[in-house]
Amino acid sequence: MKTVAITGSSGTIGQALEKFLLKKGDSVKRLVRRAEVNDSEIFWNPKNKILDPDRLVGIDTVINLAGVGIGDKRWSQKRMDQILSSRVDGTNLISETLAGFKSGEGPSTLINASAIGYYGDTGSTQVTESSQQGKGFLADVCSKWEESTLEAEKAGIRVVHARTGVVLSASGGLLKKLLTVFKLGLGGSIGSGQQIMSWISLRDQIAAISWMIDSEISGPVNLVSPEPLSNFEFSKTLGAVLKRPVVFKIPSPVLGLIYGRQLVEELMLASQFVVPEVLVKNDFAFSDSEIKKALENEIKSAS
């Protein structure tokens, strides 16, 4: 049994992770930005650099999932600044706090969220954890996010960068937004539909993070299924699972008017052919490596 501290515990991944770890037998502490209400909570304030090191004594692993939503608002300059600062400020604070412990006194592992946005638009080219940083706003955000763990790494903390793809969950994120549209028979592919989508089911995402807690792995880990697919194939499969027609194609200019050109180009139209090389080489067992099974399981779990 291990004691794990989680930031971003109120999000879709954070809530599912806490539930999974508690069922597994681990102890969980939530880092919160409001006053603590019980012993399972630890107050922190990244903006004001407040995090009491004494509250982390006895913690084995810190899992940092904190950051404002990337795809829920248009990318004004203010929003883009929030996307970056909400990740870098919190990670810097955690990294510096962990680095301040003497050996053996504080957490020995930091699992820090990142994203496959690190690779930018890869087109039809496969990329692995050893591939170079791509171009674009999200690539820059992910790079600076990961660089923010440097102090912890230099202090000998085992740091894992969880580069997450599109997490399929009926309770949040992209899939939740799409379900209503597709159930109405209005679903369809975006733009050309040929862009590659690297995805992972929520239960595989959670299982992979738990695996990282118990393993000795460090550095970047791509949290994606070994079977990416095109946006067209994804839309067609979702329609089939819901028994709804998929006859529409959403033009990118229309999306640009709603969400803004840059967000659409980097989040919706970018092709990211990402391979989970580290997970595969370490024999991680995926529960949902095939898209139809993943969608069926998520939709069933939400009903």
Protein backbone atom coordinates (compact mmCIF):
# COMPACT_ATOMS: atom_id res chain seq x y z
CA MET A 1 0.00 0.00 0.00
CA LYS A 2 1.25 3.47 -0.90
CA THR A 3 0.19 6.98 0.00
CA VAL A 4 -0.50 9.14 -3.03
CA ALA A 5 -1.18 12.88 -3.26
CA ILE A 6 -3.21 14.07 -6.26
CA THR A 7 -3.70 17.55 -7.70
CA GLY A 8 -6.61 18.05 -10.11
CA SER A 9 -8.56 15.42 -8.19
CA SER A 10 -11.91 17.01 -9.08
CA GLY A 11 -11.43 16.40 -12.81
CA THR A 12 -12.59 13.37 -14.79
CA ILE A 13 -9.23 11.59 -14.58
CA GLY A 14 -8.57 12.68 -10.99
CA GLN A 15 -11.88 11.39 -9.67
CA ALA A 16 -11.54 8.05 -11.45
CA LEU A 17 -7.92 7.69 -10.31
CA GLU A 18 -8.75 8.35 -6.66
CA LYS A 19 -11.55 5.77 -6.75
CA PHE A 20 -9.25 3.21 -8.41
CA LEU A 21 -6.38 3.71 -5.96
CA LEU A 22 -8.63 3.51 -2.90
CA LYS A 23 -10.14 0.27 -4.19
CA LYS A 24 -6.60 -1.02 -4.80
CA GLY A 25 -5.76 -0.34 -1.14
CA ASP A 26 -3.66 2.80 -1.50
CA SER A 27 -4.18 5.91 0.65
CA VAL A 28 -5.04 9.13 -1.21
CA LYS A 29 -4.56 12.78 -0.26
CA ARG A 30 -6.15 15.49 -2.42
CA LEU A 31 -4.37 18.83 -2.94
CA VAL A 32 -7.10 21.49 -2.89
CA ARG A 33 -7.19 25.26 -3.29
CA ARG A 34 -9.84 25.82 -0.60
CA ALA A 35 -9.68 25.29 3.15
CA GLU A 36 -9.08 21.68 4.15
CA VAL A 37 -12.20 19.92 5.43
CA ASN A 38 -10.60 16.62 6.57
CA ASP A 39 -7.29 14.78 6.87
CA SER A 40 -7.48 13.54 3.29
CA GLU A 41 -6.99 17.08 1.95
CA ILE A 42 -3.89 19.28 1.69
CA PHE A 43 -4.23 22.99 0.99
CA TRP A 44 -2.05 24.55 -1.69
CA ASN A 45 -2.06 27.75 -3.70
CA PRO A 46 0.24 27.67 -6.74
CA LYS A 47 -0.34 31.33 -7.61
CA ASN A 48 0.91 32.45 -4.20
CA LYS A 49 3.46 29.61 -3.94
CA ILE A 50 1.85 28.07 -0.87
CA LEU A 51 2.45 24.38 -0.14
CA ASP A 52 3.48 23.26 3.33
CA PRO A 53 6.25 20.62 2.98
CA ASP A 54 5.28 19.10 6.31
CA ARG A 55 1.94 18.06 4.79
CA LEU A 56 3.79 15.93 2.25
CA VAL A 57 5.74 13.93 4.82
CA GLY A 58 4.64 10.31 4.53
CA ILE A 59 3.57 10.71 0.88
CA ASP A 60 5.18 8.23 -1.52
CA THR A 61 4.03 9.67 -4.86
CA VAL A 62 2.66 13.00 -6.05
CA ILE A 63 0.46 12.90 -9.15
CA ASN A 64 0.07 16.33 -10.68
CA LEU A 65 -2.98 16.60 -12.97
CA ALA A 66 -3.78 20.29 -12.38
CA GLY A 67 -4.45 22.69 -15.25
CA VAL A 68 -7.36 24.65 -16.73
CA GLY A 69 -9.26 23.08 -19.62
CA ILE A 70 -7.66 23.32 -23.05
CA GLY A 71 -10.67 22.81 -25.30
CA ASP A 72 -13.58 24.32 -23.40
CA LYS A 73 -13.05 27.99 -24.36
CA ARG A 74 -11.77 30.02 -27.31
CA TRP A 75 -8.05 30.70 -27.21
CA SER A 76 -7.83 34.39 -26.46
CA GLN A 77 -4.41 35.55 -25.33
CA LYS A 78 -5.73 35.63 -21.77
CA ARG A 79 -6.94 32.03 -22.01
CA MET A 80 -3.67 30.86 -23.52
CA ASP A 81 -1.77 32.52 -20.68
CA GLN A 82 -4.05 30.70 -18.19
CA ILE A 83 -3.49 27.36 -19.92
CA LEU A 84 0.27 27.78 -19.57
CA SER A 85 0.47 29.34 -16.11
CA SER A 86 -2.02 26.90 -14.52
CA ARG A 87 0.34 24.08 -15.47
CA VAL A 88 3.78 25.62 -15.06
CA ASP A 89 3.13 27.48 -11.77
CA GLY A 90 1.75 24.43 -9.99
CA THR A 91 4.43 22.11 -11.34
CA ASN A 92 7.21 24.51 -10.35
CA LEU A 93 5.83 24.72 -6.82
CA ILE A 94 5.58 20.95 -6.44
CA SER A 95 9.00 20.36 -8.00
CA GLU A 96 10.73 22.91 -5.79
CA THR A 97 8.96 21.59 -2.68
CA LEU A 98 10.01 18.00 -3.38
CA ALA A 99 13.56 19.13 -4.10
CA GLY A 100 13.70 20.72 -0.65
CA PHE A 101 13.40 17.41 1.21
CA LYS A 102 16.41 15.52 2.43
CA SER A 103 16.80 12.07 0.89
CA GLY A 104 14.18 9.64 2.20
CA GLU A 105 12.08 12.26 3.97
CA GLY A 106 9.59 13.27 1.26
CA PRO A 107 7.88 11.79 -1.81
CA SER A 108 10.23 9.83 -4.03
CA THR A 109 8.12 9.96 -7.20
CA LEU A 110 6.41 12.69 -9.20
CA ILE A 111 4.03 11.66 -11.98
CA ASN A 112 3.38 14.85 -13.88
CA ALA A 113 0.66 15.23 -16.49
CA SER A 114 1.63 16.24 -20.01
CA ALA A 115 0.05 15.59 -23.41
CA ILE A 116 0.80 14.26 -26.87
CA GLY A 117 0.40 17.87 -27.98
CA TYR A 118 4.16 17.87 -27.27
CA TYR A 119 4.70 16.34 -30.73
CA GLY A 120 2.62 18.89 -32.65
CA ASP A 121 1.00 17.84 -35.93
CA THR A 122 2.81 14.66 -36.99
CA GLY A 123 0.75 13.95 -40.10
CA SER A 124 1.10 10.27 -41.04
CA THR A 125 4.49 9.92 -39.31
CA GLN A 126 4.58 7.69 -36.23
CA VAL A 127 6.17 9.21 -33.15
CA THR A 128 7.36 7.64 -29.91
CA GLU A 129 8.64 8.97 -26.61
CA SER A 130 12.05 9.54 -28.17
CA SER A 131 10.68 11.81 -30.91
CA GLN A 132 11.43 15.52 -30.93
CA GLN A 133 9.15 18.34 -29.79
CA GLY A 134 6.81 19.59 -32.49
CA LYS A 135 5.63 23.09 -33.32
CA GLY A 136 2.69 25.11 -32.06
CA PHE A 137 1.21 26.54 -28.89
CA LEU A 138 0.39 23.17 -27.32
CA ALA A 139 3.85 21.80 -28.07
CA ASP A 140 5.37 24.81 -26.32
CA VAL A 141 3.01 24.42 -23.35
CA CYS A 142 3.88 20.73 -22.94
CA SER A 143 7.60 21.43 -23.24
CA LYS A 144 7.53 24.14 -20.56
CA TRP A 145 5.25 21.96 -18.41
CA GLU A 146 7.76 19.13 -18.48
CA GLU A 147 10.71 21.47 -17.94
CA SER A 148 9.02 22.65 -14.74
CA THR A 149 9.91 19.33 -13.06
CA LEU A 150 13.64 19.99 -13.45
CA GLU A 151 14.31 20.87 -9.79
CA ALA A 152 12.75 17.60 -8.63
CA GLU A 153 14.73 15.61 -11.19
CA LYS A 154 18.01 17.25 -10.15
CA ALA A 155 17.21 16.33 -6.53
CA GLY A 156 16.93 12.65 -7.45
CA ILE A 157 13.13 12.41 -7.56
CA ARG A 158 11.83 9.84 -10.06
CA VAL A 159 9.83 11.94 -12.52
CA VAL A 160 7.42 10.53 -15.11
CA HIS A 161 5.85 12.71 -17.81
CA ALA A 162 2.43 11.22 -18.63
CA ARG A 163 1.89 12.36 -22.23
CA THR A 164 -1.81 11.71 -22.57
CA GLY A 165 -3.81 11.41 -25.78
CA VAL A 166 -7.57 11.83 -26.18
CA VAL A 167 -9.08 10.18 -23.09
CA LEU A 168 -12.41 8.53 -23.88
CA SER A 169 -14.82 8.95 -20.99
CA ALA A 170 -18.59 9.23 -21.14
CA SER A 171 -18.45 11.37 -18.00
CA GLY A 172 -16.17 14.09 -19.34
CA GLY A 173 -14.00 15.39 -22.14
CA LEU A 174 -14.48 14.89 -25.88
CA LEU A 175 -16.63 11.76 -25.78
CA LYS A 176 -19.17 13.27 -23.39
CA LYS A 177 -19.58 16.26 -25.71
CA LEU A 178 -19.96 14.05 -28.77
CA LEU A 179 -22.50 11.62 -27.33
CA THR A 180 -25.40 14.10 -27.35
CA VAL A 181 -24.68 15.18 -30.92
CA PHE A 182 -24.28 11.64 -32.24
CA LYS A 183 -27.37 10.36 -30.42
CA LEU A 184 -29.36 12.99 -32.30
CA GLY A 185 -28.00 11.65 -35.57
CA LEU A 186 -26.02 14.83 -36.19
CA GLY A 187 -22.54 13.41 -35.72
CA GLY A 188 -19.81 13.35 -38.32
CA SER A 189 -16.14 13.68 -39.07
CA ILE A 190 -14.26 16.97 -38.71
CA GLY A 191 -12.69 18.62 -41.71
CA SER A 192 -11.27 15.98 -44.06
CA GLY A 193 -11.60 13.33 -41.36
CA GLN A 194 -8.20 11.94 -42.34
CA GLN A 195 -6.33 13.32 -39.31
CA ILE A 196 -5.03 10.58 -37.03
CA MET A 197 -6.49 10.42 -33.52
CA SER A 198 -4.40 8.85 -30.74
CA TRP A 199 -6.77 7.89 -27.95
CA ILE A 200 -6.96 5.91 -24.72
CA SER A 201 -9.91 4.65 -22.70
CA LEU A 202 -10.39 6.10 -19.24
CA ARG A 203 -9.82 2.76 -17.53
CA ASP A 204 -6.54 2.21 -19.42
CA GLN A 205 -5.48 5.76 -18.55
CA ILE A 206 -6.08 5.08 -14.85
CA ALA A 207 -4.46 1.64 -14.95
CA ALA A 208 -1.39 3.10 -16.69
CA ILE A 209 -0.97 5.82 -14.05
CA SER A 210 -1.28 3.19 -11.32
CA TRP A 211 1.32 1.10 -13.15
CA MET A 212 3.67 4.09 -13.21
CA ILE A 213 3.33 4.47 -9.44
CA ASP A 214 4.52 0.92 -8.87
CA SER A 215 7.14 0.71 -11.64
CA GLU A 216 10.63 2.18 -11.79
CA ILE A 217 10.06 3.90 -15.13
CA SER A 218 10.97 7.56 -15.56
CA GLY A 219 10.82 10.14 -18.33
CA PRO A 220 8.06 10.51 -20.93
CA VAL A 221 5.38 7.84 -21.33
CA ASN A 222 2.78 8.05 -24.10
CA LEU A 223 -0.64 7.21 -22.67
CA VAL A 224 -2.40 6.17 -25.86
CA SER A 225 -3.88 2.99 -27.30
CA PRO A 226 -1.62 0.95 -29.60
CA GLU A 227 -4.30 1.34 -32.30
CA PRO A 228 -4.79 4.99 -33.34
CA LEU A 229 -7.28 5.69 -36.10
CA SER A 230 -8.54 8.47 -38.35
CA ASN A 231 -11.20 10.92 -37.21
CA PHE A 232 -13.46 9.49 -39.94
CA GLU A 233 -13.01 5.94 -38.60
CA PHE A 234 -13.67 7.12 -35.05
CA SER A 235 -16.86 8.93 -36.06
CA LYS A 236 -18.07 5.95 -38.08
CA THR A 237 -17.45 3.57 -35.17
CA LEU A 238 -19.15 5.84 -32.61
CA GLY A 239 -22.19 6.08 -34.86
CA ALA A 240 -22.30 2.30 -35.23
CA VAL A 241 -22.04 1.74 -31.46
CA LEU A 242 -24.89 4.20 -30.88
CA LYS A 243 -26.83 2.80 -33.87
CA ARG A 244 -27.05 6.23 -35.44
CA PRO A 245 -26.23 7.35 -38.99
CA VAL A 246 -23.07 9.32 -39.62
CA VAL A 247 -23.74 11.40 -42.70
CA PHE A 248 -22.44 14.82 -41.80
CA LYS A 249 -19.01 16.33 -42.26
CA ILE A 250 -18.28 19.39 -40.15
CA PRO A 251 -16.38 21.99 -42.22
CA SER A 252 -13.34 23.41 -40.45
CA PRO A 253 -14.28 27.05 -41.25
CA VAL A 254 -17.52 26.59 -39.29
CA LEU A 255 -15.59 25.26 -36.30
CA GLY A 256 -13.15 28.14 -36.65
CA LEU A 257 -15.97 30.63 -36.26
CA ILE A 258 -17.12 28.89 -33.06
CA TYR A 259 -13.84 27.99 -31.37
CA GLY A 260 -11.23 30.11 -33.11
CA ARG A 261 -8.82 29.09 -35.88
CA GLN A 262 -5.80 28.22 -33.73
CA LEU A 263 -7.71 25.96 -31.33
CA VAL A 264 -9.37 24.13 -34.24
CA GLU A 265 -6.08 23.63 -36.09
CA GLU A 266 -4.16 22.32 -33.07
CA LEU A 267 -6.89 20.34 -31.28
CA MET A 268 -9.33 19.19 -33.96
CA LEU A 269 -7.47 19.11 -37.26
CA ALA A 270 -3.95 18.17 -36.15
CA SER A 271 -2.95 14.62 -37.02
CA GLN A 272 -1.10 12.86 -34.21
CA PHE A 273 0.11 9.32 -34.92
CA VAL A 274 1.50 8.52 -31.47
CA VAL A 275 2.75 5.09 -30.40
CA PRO A 276 2.86 3.91 -26.73
CA GLU A 277 6.32 2.42 -27.09
CA VAL A 278 7.24 2.51 -23.39
CA LEU A 279 4.02 0.83 -22.27
CA VAL A 280 4.26 -1.85 -24.96
CA LYS A 281 7.93 -2.62 -24.28
CA ASN A 282 7.15 -2.99 -20.57
CA ASP A 283 4.25 -5.37 -21.27
CA PHE A 284 1.50 -3.07 -20.01
CA ALA A 285 -1.82 -4.88 -20.50
CA PHE A 286 -4.37 -2.69 -22.27
CA SER A 287 -8.01 -3.47 -21.51
CA ASP A 288 -9.19 -1.45 -24.51
CA SER A 289 -6.77 -1.51 -27.41
CA GLU A 290 -9.60 -1.56 -29.98
CA ILE A 291 -11.87 1.47 -30.42
CA LYS A 292 -15.23 -0.32 -30.67
CA LYS A 293 -14.71 -2.17 -27.41
CA ALA A 294 -13.53 1.00 -25.68
CA LEU A 295 -16.58 2.99 -26.78
CA GLU A 296 -18.99 0.23 -25.85
CA ASN A 297 -17.48 -0.09 -22.40
CA GLU A 298 -17.51 3.66 -21.69
CA ILE A 299 -21.07 4.17 -22.93
CA LYS A 300 -22.29 1.15 -20.96
CA SER A 301 -20.58 2.35 -17.78
CA ALA A 302 -22.38 5.71 -18.03
CA SER A 303 -25.86 4.26 -18.55
